[in-house]
């Protein structure tokens, strides 16, 4: 059965490819596809906060998401749930730090929320943890998550380039094609 493609996916594929391959030298189609898909997914704001507490309320802080990911002391019901939550944390950290770094301003920090540095650290760590799930149905994609963890800072910078292009592009102009 064919999965349906998000209408923005081809556009984001080109934007990410232009930044990652064209400007940063990241010639990794698997990561390019993953990050473009991530942009599509998070174009729907409610998906940013899909990790929930026991009552079903969305978790808004990084600290609460990390606690929820712990299958022993937190609320993750299994190691599969831990992996899913850690994957989301990595995705969230990459998206926010690359597309909305201003959201990590000092005012938020004074309110007890994460700093930019904490967001990056937890994002890298979360993708690394996901990469350690390297058996059975997760074996094929585990190496990609290891690369995302290793290249996290470069991927953030690549998303900033995407953001810059999105905010500076004139209406009606599509991104240039990079082969």
N, C-alpha and C. Protein backbone atom coordinates (compact mmCIF):
# COMPACT_ATOMS: atom_id res chain seq x y z
N UNK A 1 0.85 -1.19 0.00
CA UNK A 1 0.00 0.00 0.00
C UNK A 1 0.89 1.24 0.00
N UNK A 2 0.60 2.17 -0.86
CA UNK A 2 1.37 3.41 -1.00
C UNK A 2 0.96 4.40 0.08
N UNK A 3 1.94 5.00 0.77
CA UNK A 3 1.61 6.02 1.76
C UNK A 3 1.43 7.35 1.04
N UNK A 4 0.52 8.15 1.57
CA UNK A 4 0.22 9.43 0.94
C UNK A 4 1.30 10.46 1.30
N UNK A 5 1.73 11.22 0.31
CA UNK A 5 2.75 12.23 0.51
C UNK A 5 2.09 13.55 0.91
N UNK A 6 2.69 14.22 1.88
CA UNK A 6 2.21 15.53 2.31
C UNK A 6 2.37 16.50 1.13
N UNK A 7 1.42 17.39 0.90
CA UNK A 7 1.51 18.30 -0.25
C UNK A 7 2.76 19.19 -0.24
N UNK A 8 3.31 19.47 0.93
CA UNK A 8 4.51 20.31 1.01
C UNK A 8 5.81 19.53 0.87
N UNK A 9 5.71 18.21 0.85
CA UNK A 9 6.93 17.39 0.87
C UNK A 9 7.89 17.69 -0.29
N UNK A 10 7.44 17.76 -1.55
CA UNK A 10 8.40 18.06 -2.62
C UNK A 10 9.08 19.42 -2.43
N UNK A 11 8.33 20.40 -1.98
CA UNK A 11 8.89 21.73 -1.73
C UNK A 11 9.96 21.67 -0.64
N UNK A 12 9.63 21.03 0.49
CA UNK A 12 10.60 20.94 1.58
C UNK A 12 11.78 20.06 1.21
N UNK A 13 11.55 19.02 0.41
CA UNK A 13 12.67 18.18 -0.06
C UNK A 13 13.69 19.06 -0.78
N UNK A 14 13.20 19.91 -1.66
CA UNK A 14 14.10 20.77 -2.43
C UNK A 14 14.80 21.79 -1.54
N UNK A 15 14.06 22.39 -0.62
CA UNK A 15 14.65 23.37 0.30
C UNK A 15 15.75 22.74 1.15
N UNK A 16 15.47 21.58 1.72
CA UNK A 16 16.45 20.91 2.58
C UNK A 16 17.65 20.46 1.75
N UNK A 17 17.39 19.90 0.58
CA UNK A 17 18.49 19.46 -0.29
C UNK A 17 19.39 20.64 -0.67
N UNK A 18 18.79 21.78 -1.00
CA UNK A 18 19.57 22.98 -1.34
C UNK A 18 20.49 23.38 -0.19
N UNK A 19 19.97 23.34 1.02
CA UNK A 19 20.77 23.74 2.18
C UNK A 19 21.78 22.67 2.58
N UNK A 20 21.31 21.44 2.71
CA UNK A 20 22.18 20.37 3.23
C UNK A 20 23.24 19.98 2.21
N UNK A 21 22.84 19.64 1.00
CA UNK A 21 23.81 19.21 -0.01
C UNK A 21 24.47 20.40 -0.68
N UNK A 22 23.67 21.39 -1.06
CA UNK A 22 24.18 22.50 -1.83
C UNK A 22 25.08 23.45 -1.06
N UNK A 23 24.83 23.63 0.23
CA UNK A 23 25.59 24.62 1.00
C UNK A 23 26.46 24.01 2.09
N UNK A 24 26.04 22.88 2.65
CA UNK A 24 26.78 22.29 3.77
C UNK A 24 27.55 21.03 3.40
N UNK A 25 27.32 20.51 2.21
CA UNK A 25 28.03 19.30 1.81
C UNK A 25 27.52 18.03 2.47
N UNK A 26 26.29 18.07 3.00
CA UNK A 26 25.68 16.87 3.58
C UNK A 26 24.94 16.17 2.45
N UNK A 27 25.61 15.21 1.83
CA UNK A 27 25.02 14.47 0.72
C UNK A 27 24.48 13.15 1.25
N UNK A 28 23.38 13.25 1.98
CA UNK A 28 22.77 12.09 2.62
C UNK A 28 21.28 12.13 2.33
N UNK A 29 20.84 11.44 1.27
CA UNK A 29 19.42 11.49 0.89
C UNK A 29 18.49 11.03 2.01
N UNK A 30 18.95 10.09 2.83
CA UNK A 30 18.10 9.59 3.91
C UNK A 30 17.82 10.71 4.93
N UNK A 31 18.85 11.45 5.29
CA UNK A 31 18.67 12.56 6.23
C UNK A 31 17.88 13.69 5.58
N UNK A 32 18.17 14.00 4.34
CA UNK A 32 17.43 15.05 3.63
C UNK A 32 15.94 14.72 3.62
N UNK A 33 15.61 13.49 3.27
CA UNK A 33 14.21 13.06 3.25
C UNK A 33 13.60 13.15 4.65
N UNK A 34 14.33 12.68 5.65
CA UNK A 34 13.82 12.67 7.01
C UNK A 34 13.51 14.09 7.49
N UNK A 35 14.45 15.01 7.28
CA UNK A 35 14.27 16.39 7.75
C UNK A 35 13.14 17.08 6.98
N UNK A 36 13.04 16.84 5.69
CA UNK A 36 11.93 17.41 4.91
C UNK A 36 10.59 16.88 5.43
N UNK A 37 10.54 15.59 5.72
CA UNK A 37 9.32 15.00 6.27
C UNK A 37 9.00 15.62 7.64
N UNK A 38 10.03 15.86 8.43
CA UNK A 38 9.86 16.49 9.74
C UNK A 38 9.24 17.88 9.59
N UNK A 39 9.71 18.66 8.61
CA UNK A 39 9.13 19.98 8.37
C UNK A 39 7.65 19.88 8.00
N UNK A 40 7.31 18.89 7.21
CA UNK A 40 5.90 18.67 6.85
C UNK A 40 5.08 18.32 8.09
N UNK A 41 5.61 17.40 8.88
CA UNK A 41 4.88 16.97 10.07
C UNK A 41 4.64 18.13 11.02
N UNK A 42 5.67 18.93 11.27
CA UNK A 42 5.54 20.02 12.22
C UNK A 42 4.91 21.27 11.61
N UNK A 43 4.51 21.21 10.34
CA UNK A 43 3.73 22.31 9.78
C UNK A 43 2.33 22.30 10.40
N UNK A 44 1.99 21.21 11.06
CA UNK A 44 0.75 21.10 11.83
C UNK A 44 1.14 21.24 13.29
N UNK A 45 0.87 22.41 13.87
CA UNK A 45 1.39 22.78 15.19
C UNK A 45 1.08 21.77 16.29
N UNK A 46 -0.06 21.12 16.24
CA UNK A 46 -0.41 20.19 17.31
C UNK A 46 0.55 19.00 17.38
N UNK A 47 1.25 18.72 16.29
CA UNK A 47 2.18 17.60 16.27
C UNK A 47 3.48 17.92 17.02
N UNK A 48 3.72 19.20 17.29
CA UNK A 48 4.89 19.57 18.09
C UNK A 48 4.77 19.02 19.51
N UNK A 49 3.56 18.92 20.00
CA UNK A 49 3.32 18.52 21.38
C UNK A 49 2.51 17.23 21.46
N UNK A 50 2.96 16.21 20.73
CA UNK A 50 2.20 14.96 20.72
C UNK A 50 2.54 14.05 21.90
N UNK A 51 3.58 14.36 22.66
CA UNK A 51 3.88 13.58 23.87
C UNK A 51 2.91 14.05 24.94
N UNK A 52 2.26 13.08 25.59
CA UNK A 52 1.18 13.38 26.54
C UNK A 52 1.51 12.84 27.93
N UNK A 53 0.88 13.46 28.94
CA UNK A 53 1.01 12.94 30.30
C UNK A 53 -0.05 11.87 30.52
N UNK A 54 -0.13 11.38 31.76
CA UNK A 54 -1.08 10.29 32.07
C UNK A 54 -2.53 10.69 31.85
N UNK A 55 -2.83 11.99 31.97
CA UNK A 55 -4.19 12.48 31.78
C UNK A 55 -4.49 12.84 30.32
N UNK A 56 -3.50 12.68 29.45
CA UNK A 56 -3.69 12.98 28.04
C UNK A 56 -3.40 14.41 27.64
N UNK A 57 -2.85 15.20 28.57
CA UNK A 57 -2.51 16.59 28.27
C UNK A 57 -1.14 16.65 27.59
N UNK A 58 -0.99 17.54 26.61
CA UNK A 58 0.31 17.64 25.93
C UNK A 58 1.39 18.18 26.87
N UNK A 59 2.58 17.63 26.73
CA UNK A 59 3.73 18.10 27.51
C UNK A 59 4.42 19.20 26.71
N UNK A 60 4.68 20.33 27.36
CA UNK A 60 5.24 21.49 26.66
C UNK A 60 6.69 21.76 27.00
N UNK A 61 7.21 21.13 28.05
CA UNK A 61 8.61 21.39 28.39
C UNK A 61 9.47 20.19 28.04
N UNK A 62 10.69 20.49 27.71
CA UNK A 62 11.66 19.45 27.38
C UNK A 62 11.87 18.52 28.57
N UNK A 63 11.95 19.09 29.76
CA UNK A 63 12.16 18.29 30.97
C UNK A 63 11.03 17.27 31.15
N UNK A 64 9.79 17.70 30.96
CA UNK A 64 8.66 16.79 31.10
C UNK A 64 8.68 15.69 30.03
N UNK A 65 9.09 16.04 28.81
CA UNK A 65 9.18 15.03 27.75
C UNK A 65 10.25 13.99 28.07
N UNK A 66 11.39 14.44 28.60
CA UNK A 66 12.47 13.51 28.95
C UNK A 66 12.01 12.58 30.06
N UNK A 67 11.32 13.11 31.06
CA UNK A 67 10.80 12.27 32.14
C UNK A 67 9.82 11.26 31.58
N UNK A 68 8.95 11.69 30.69
CA UNK A 68 7.97 10.78 30.09
C UNK A 68 8.63 9.66 29.31
N UNK A 69 9.81 9.90 28.76
CA UNK A 69 10.50 8.89 27.94
C UNK A 69 11.09 7.76 28.76
N UNK A 70 11.23 7.93 30.05
CA UNK A 70 11.88 6.91 30.89
C UNK A 70 10.92 5.75 31.16
N UNK A 71 11.23 4.55 30.66
CA UNK A 71 10.32 3.42 30.86
C UNK A 71 10.37 2.85 32.28
N UNK A 72 11.38 3.20 33.05
CA UNK A 72 11.50 2.67 34.41
C UNK A 72 10.92 3.65 35.42
N UNK A 73 11.35 4.91 35.36
CA UNK A 73 10.92 5.90 36.35
C UNK A 73 9.93 6.91 35.79
N UNK A 74 9.69 6.88 34.52
CA UNK A 74 8.78 7.83 33.88
C UNK A 74 7.48 7.18 33.47
N UNK A 75 6.86 7.76 32.46
CA UNK A 75 5.54 7.29 32.05
C UNK A 75 5.55 6.44 30.78
N UNK A 76 6.72 6.24 30.16
CA UNK A 76 6.77 5.39 28.96
C UNK A 76 6.40 3.97 29.37
N UNK A 77 5.45 3.40 28.67
CA UNK A 77 4.93 2.08 29.04
C UNK A 77 5.82 0.93 28.59
N UNK A 78 6.78 1.21 27.73
CA UNK A 78 7.65 0.15 27.20
C UNK A 78 8.91 0.80 26.62
N UNK A 79 9.85 -0.05 26.22
CA UNK A 79 11.04 0.48 25.57
C UNK A 79 10.70 1.01 24.18
N UNK A 80 9.69 0.44 23.53
CA UNK A 80 9.23 0.99 22.25
C UNK A 80 8.66 2.40 22.44
N UNK A 81 7.93 2.58 23.53
CA UNK A 81 7.39 3.91 23.83
C UNK A 81 8.54 4.88 24.14
N UNK A 82 9.56 4.40 24.85
CA UNK A 82 10.73 5.24 25.11
C UNK A 82 11.35 5.69 23.79
N UNK A 83 11.52 4.76 22.87
CA UNK A 83 12.12 5.10 21.57
C UNK A 83 11.27 6.14 20.84
N UNK A 84 9.96 5.94 20.83
CA UNK A 84 9.07 6.88 20.13
C UNK A 84 9.14 8.27 20.74
N UNK A 85 9.17 8.34 22.06
CA UNK A 85 9.23 9.65 22.72
C UNK A 85 10.60 10.29 22.49
N UNK A 86 11.67 9.50 22.59
CA UNK A 86 13.01 10.05 22.35
C UNK A 86 13.15 10.52 20.90
N UNK A 87 12.56 9.81 19.97
CA UNK A 87 12.58 10.23 18.57
C UNK A 87 11.87 11.58 18.44
N UNK A 88 10.73 11.70 19.10
CA UNK A 88 10.00 12.97 19.06
C UNK A 88 10.82 14.10 19.69
N UNK A 89 11.49 13.81 20.80
CA UNK A 89 12.31 14.83 21.45
C UNK A 89 13.42 15.30 20.51
N UNK A 90 14.09 14.36 19.85
CA UNK A 90 15.12 14.73 18.88
C UNK A 90 14.54 15.58 17.76
N UNK A 91 13.39 15.16 17.24
CA UNK A 91 12.73 15.92 16.17
C UNK A 91 12.35 17.33 16.63
N UNK A 92 11.76 17.39 17.81
CA UNK A 92 11.34 18.67 18.39
C UNK A 92 12.54 19.59 18.57
N UNK A 93 13.62 19.05 19.14
CA UNK A 93 14.83 19.85 19.39
C UNK A 93 15.43 20.35 18.09
N UNK A 94 15.50 19.49 17.08
CA UNK A 94 16.05 19.89 15.79
C UNK A 94 15.19 20.97 15.15
N UNK A 95 13.89 20.78 15.16
CA UNK A 95 12.97 21.73 14.54
C UNK A 95 13.03 23.09 15.24
N UNK A 96 12.89 23.09 16.56
CA UNK A 96 12.85 24.36 17.30
C UNK A 96 14.19 25.08 17.19
N UNK A 97 15.29 24.36 17.39
CA UNK A 97 16.60 25.03 17.36
C UNK A 97 16.97 25.51 15.97
N UNK A 98 16.49 24.84 14.93
CA UNK A 98 16.80 25.26 13.57
C UNK A 98 15.85 26.29 13.01
N UNK A 99 14.57 26.14 13.28
CA UNK A 99 13.57 27.02 12.66
C UNK A 99 13.14 28.18 13.57
N UNK A 100 13.20 27.99 14.89
CA UNK A 100 12.74 29.01 15.84
C UNK A 100 13.71 29.20 16.99
N UNK A 101 14.98 29.48 16.71
CA UNK A 101 15.95 29.62 17.81
C UNK A 101 15.62 30.77 18.75
N UNK A 102 14.90 31.77 18.26
CA UNK A 102 14.54 32.91 19.11
C UNK A 102 13.59 32.49 20.23
N UNK A 103 12.96 31.33 20.10
CA UNK A 103 12.07 30.86 21.16
C UNK A 103 12.84 30.45 22.42
N UNK A 104 14.15 30.39 22.32
CA UNK A 104 14.99 30.04 23.46
C UNK A 104 15.54 31.29 24.14
N UNK A 105 14.75 32.34 24.20
CA UNK A 105 15.23 33.61 24.74
C UNK A 105 15.39 33.55 26.27
N UNK A 106 16.09 34.53 26.86
CA UNK A 106 16.33 34.53 28.31
C UNK A 106 15.05 34.56 29.14
N UNK A 107 13.98 35.17 28.62
CA UNK A 107 12.72 35.22 29.36
C UNK A 107 12.21 33.81 29.64
N UNK A 108 12.27 32.95 28.63
CA UNK A 108 11.83 31.56 28.81
C UNK A 108 12.71 30.86 29.84
N UNK A 109 13.99 31.13 29.80
CA UNK A 109 14.93 30.49 30.72
C UNK A 109 14.60 30.88 32.16
N UNK A 110 14.24 32.13 32.38
CA UNK A 110 13.89 32.58 33.73
C UNK A 110 12.62 31.88 34.21
N UNK A 111 11.77 31.46 33.32
CA UNK A 111 10.54 30.75 33.69
C UNK A 111 10.79 29.26 33.89
N UNK A 112 12.05 28.84 33.86
CA UNK A 112 12.38 27.45 34.14
C UNK A 112 12.39 26.55 32.93
N UNK A 113 12.24 27.11 31.73
CA UNK A 113 12.26 26.28 30.54
C UNK A 113 13.68 26.15 30.01
N UNK A 114 13.85 25.27 29.05
CA UNK A 114 15.18 24.91 28.56
C UNK A 114 15.89 26.05 27.85
N UNK A 115 17.22 26.01 27.94
CA UNK A 115 18.04 26.93 27.17
C UNK A 115 18.32 26.31 25.81
N UNK A 116 18.85 27.11 24.91
CA UNK A 116 19.22 26.60 23.59
C UNK A 116 20.24 25.47 23.73
N UNK A 117 21.23 25.64 24.59
CA UNK A 117 22.26 24.63 24.79
C UNK A 117 21.68 23.32 25.30
N UNK A 118 20.73 23.40 26.24
CA UNK A 118 20.07 22.20 26.76
C UNK A 118 19.26 21.51 25.66
N UNK A 119 18.58 22.30 24.86
CA UNK A 119 17.78 21.76 23.77
C UNK A 119 18.67 20.96 22.81
N UNK A 120 19.81 21.53 22.44
CA UNK A 120 20.73 20.85 21.53
C UNK A 120 21.29 19.59 22.17
N UNK A 121 21.70 19.68 23.43
CA UNK A 121 22.26 18.52 24.14
C UNK A 121 21.25 17.38 24.21
N UNK A 122 20.02 17.69 24.59
CA UNK A 122 18.99 16.66 24.72
C UNK A 122 18.58 16.13 23.35
N UNK A 123 18.58 16.98 22.33
CA UNK A 123 18.28 16.51 20.98
C UNK A 123 19.30 15.50 20.49
N UNK A 124 20.58 15.83 20.64
CA UNK A 124 21.65 14.90 20.25
C UNK A 124 21.54 13.59 21.02
N UNK A 125 21.36 13.72 22.33
CA UNK A 125 21.25 12.54 23.20
C UNK A 125 20.06 11.67 22.80
N UNK A 126 18.94 12.30 22.50
CA UNK A 126 17.74 11.55 22.14
C UNK A 126 17.92 10.78 20.84
N UNK A 127 18.49 11.43 19.82
CA UNK A 127 18.76 10.71 18.58
C UNK A 127 19.77 9.59 18.80
N UNK A 128 20.75 9.81 19.67
CA UNK A 128 21.71 8.74 19.98
C UNK A 128 21.00 7.55 20.61
N UNK A 129 20.12 7.82 21.57
CA UNK A 129 19.36 6.74 22.22
C UNK A 129 18.53 6.00 21.19
N UNK A 130 17.86 6.72 20.30
CA UNK A 130 17.07 6.08 19.24
C UNK A 130 17.97 5.20 18.38
N UNK A 131 19.18 5.65 18.11
CA UNK A 131 20.09 4.87 17.26
C UNK A 131 20.52 3.56 17.92
N UNK A 132 20.42 3.49 19.23
CA UNK A 132 20.80 2.27 19.95
C UNK A 132 19.73 1.19 19.84
N UNK A 133 18.54 1.56 19.42
CA UNK A 133 17.49 0.58 19.13
C UNK A 133 17.78 0.06 17.72
N UNK A 134 18.70 -0.86 17.63
CA UNK A 134 19.21 -1.28 16.32
C UNK A 134 18.92 -2.74 16.00
N UNK A 135 17.81 -3.23 16.51
CA UNK A 135 17.42 -4.61 16.22
C UNK A 135 16.01 -4.62 15.64
N UNK A 136 15.67 -5.76 15.09
CA UNK A 136 14.33 -6.00 14.54
C UNK A 136 13.89 -4.88 13.60
N UNK A 137 12.70 -4.35 13.82
CA UNK A 137 12.13 -3.38 12.88
C UNK A 137 12.86 -2.04 12.88
N UNK A 138 13.72 -1.81 13.87
CA UNK A 138 14.44 -0.53 13.95
C UNK A 138 15.84 -0.59 13.36
N UNK A 139 16.31 -1.76 13.01
CA UNK A 139 17.70 -1.94 12.57
C UNK A 139 18.05 -1.09 11.35
N UNK A 140 17.15 -1.01 10.40
CA UNK A 140 17.45 -0.31 9.15
C UNK A 140 17.65 1.20 9.33
N UNK A 141 16.85 1.81 10.20
CA UNK A 141 16.96 3.26 10.35
C UNK A 141 17.87 3.70 11.49
N UNK A 142 18.35 2.79 12.30
CA UNK A 142 19.23 3.14 13.43
C UNK A 142 20.47 3.92 13.00
N UNK A 143 21.18 3.53 11.92
CA UNK A 143 22.36 4.30 11.52
C UNK A 143 22.05 5.75 11.14
N UNK A 144 20.88 5.99 10.58
CA UNK A 144 20.51 7.37 10.24
C UNK A 144 20.38 8.21 11.51
N UNK A 145 19.80 7.64 12.56
CA UNK A 145 19.67 8.39 13.81
C UNK A 145 21.03 8.63 14.45
N UNK A 146 21.95 7.70 14.28
CA UNK A 146 23.32 7.92 14.76
C UNK A 146 23.94 9.11 14.03
N UNK A 147 23.72 9.19 12.72
CA UNK A 147 24.25 10.32 11.94
C UNK A 147 23.57 11.63 12.35
N UNK A 148 22.27 11.58 12.58
CA UNK A 148 21.56 12.78 13.03
C UNK A 148 22.13 13.28 14.35
N UNK A 149 22.43 12.36 15.25
CA UNK A 149 23.03 12.73 16.53
C UNK A 149 24.41 13.35 16.32
N UNK A 150 25.20 12.70 15.50
CA UNK A 150 26.57 13.17 15.25
C UNK A 150 26.58 14.51 14.51
N UNK A 151 25.68 14.70 13.58
CA UNK A 151 25.65 15.91 12.75
C UNK A 151 24.60 16.92 13.21
N UNK A 152 24.14 16.79 14.43
CA UNK A 152 23.02 17.59 14.92
C UNK A 152 23.26 19.09 14.71
N UNK A 153 24.44 19.59 15.07
CA UNK A 153 24.73 21.01 14.92
C UNK A 153 24.67 21.45 13.45
N UNK A 154 25.20 20.62 12.57
CA UNK A 154 25.16 20.94 11.13
C UNK A 154 23.72 20.92 10.62
N UNK A 155 22.94 19.97 11.11
CA UNK A 155 21.54 19.89 10.69
C UNK A 155 20.76 21.11 11.17
N UNK A 156 21.07 21.59 12.38
CA UNK A 156 20.45 22.82 12.87
C UNK A 156 20.79 23.97 11.92
N UNK A 157 22.06 24.10 11.61
CA UNK A 157 22.49 25.18 10.72
C UNK A 157 21.81 25.07 9.35
N UNK A 158 21.68 23.85 8.85
CA UNK A 158 20.99 23.65 7.58
C UNK A 158 19.54 24.10 7.64
N UNK A 159 18.87 23.84 8.77
CA UNK A 159 17.49 24.31 8.92
C UNK A 159 17.43 25.83 9.02
N UNK A 160 18.45 26.42 9.62
CA UNK A 160 18.48 27.90 9.65
C UNK A 160 18.61 28.45 8.24
N UNK A 161 19.38 27.77 7.40
CA UNK A 161 19.49 28.20 6.00
C UNK A 161 18.14 28.06 5.29
N UNK A 162 17.43 26.97 5.58
CA UNK A 162 16.08 26.78 5.02
C UNK A 162 15.18 27.93 5.48
N UNK A 163 15.22 28.21 6.76
CA UNK A 163 14.40 29.29 7.31
C UNK A 163 14.74 30.62 6.64
N UNK A 164 16.04 30.90 6.51
CA UNK A 164 16.45 32.15 5.87
C UNK A 164 15.93 32.24 4.45
N UNK A 165 15.99 31.14 3.72
CA UNK A 165 15.49 31.15 2.35
C UNK A 165 13.98 31.31 2.32
N UNK A 166 13.29 30.66 3.25
CA UNK A 166 11.83 30.79 3.30
C UNK A 166 11.41 32.22 3.62
N UNK A 167 12.15 32.88 4.48
CA UNK A 167 11.75 34.22 4.89
C UNK A 167 12.24 35.30 3.94
N UNK A 168 13.20 34.97 3.08
CA UNK A 168 13.71 35.98 2.15
C UNK A 168 13.23 35.78 0.72
N UNK A 169 12.62 34.64 0.43
CA UNK A 169 12.15 34.35 -0.92
C UNK A 169 10.97 35.24 -1.26
N UNK A 170 10.99 35.76 -2.45
CA UNK A 170 9.89 36.59 -2.92
C UNK A 170 8.67 35.70 -3.19
N UNK A 171 7.47 36.22 -2.95
CA UNK A 171 6.27 35.44 -3.21
C UNK A 171 6.24 34.91 -4.64
N UNK A 172 5.84 33.67 -4.78
CA UNK A 172 5.74 33.06 -6.10
C UNK A 172 7.02 32.44 -6.61
N UNK A 173 8.12 32.60 -5.89
CA UNK A 173 9.41 32.03 -6.32
C UNK A 173 9.62 30.68 -5.64
N UNK A 174 10.02 29.72 -6.40
CA UNK A 174 10.33 28.41 -5.86
C UNK A 174 11.83 28.29 -5.67
N UNK A 175 12.28 27.40 -4.78
CA UNK A 175 13.71 27.26 -4.56
C UNK A 175 14.41 26.71 -5.80
N UNK A 176 15.67 27.11 -5.97
CA UNK A 176 16.47 26.59 -7.08
C UNK A 176 16.69 25.10 -6.89
N UNK A 177 16.84 24.40 -7.99
CA UNK A 177 17.03 22.95 -7.93
C UNK A 177 18.52 22.64 -7.84
N UNK A 178 18.87 21.77 -6.90
CA UNK A 178 20.24 21.27 -6.75
C UNK A 178 20.20 19.79 -7.04
N UNK A 179 21.05 19.32 -7.92
CA UNK A 179 21.04 17.89 -8.28
C UNK A 179 21.90 17.08 -7.36
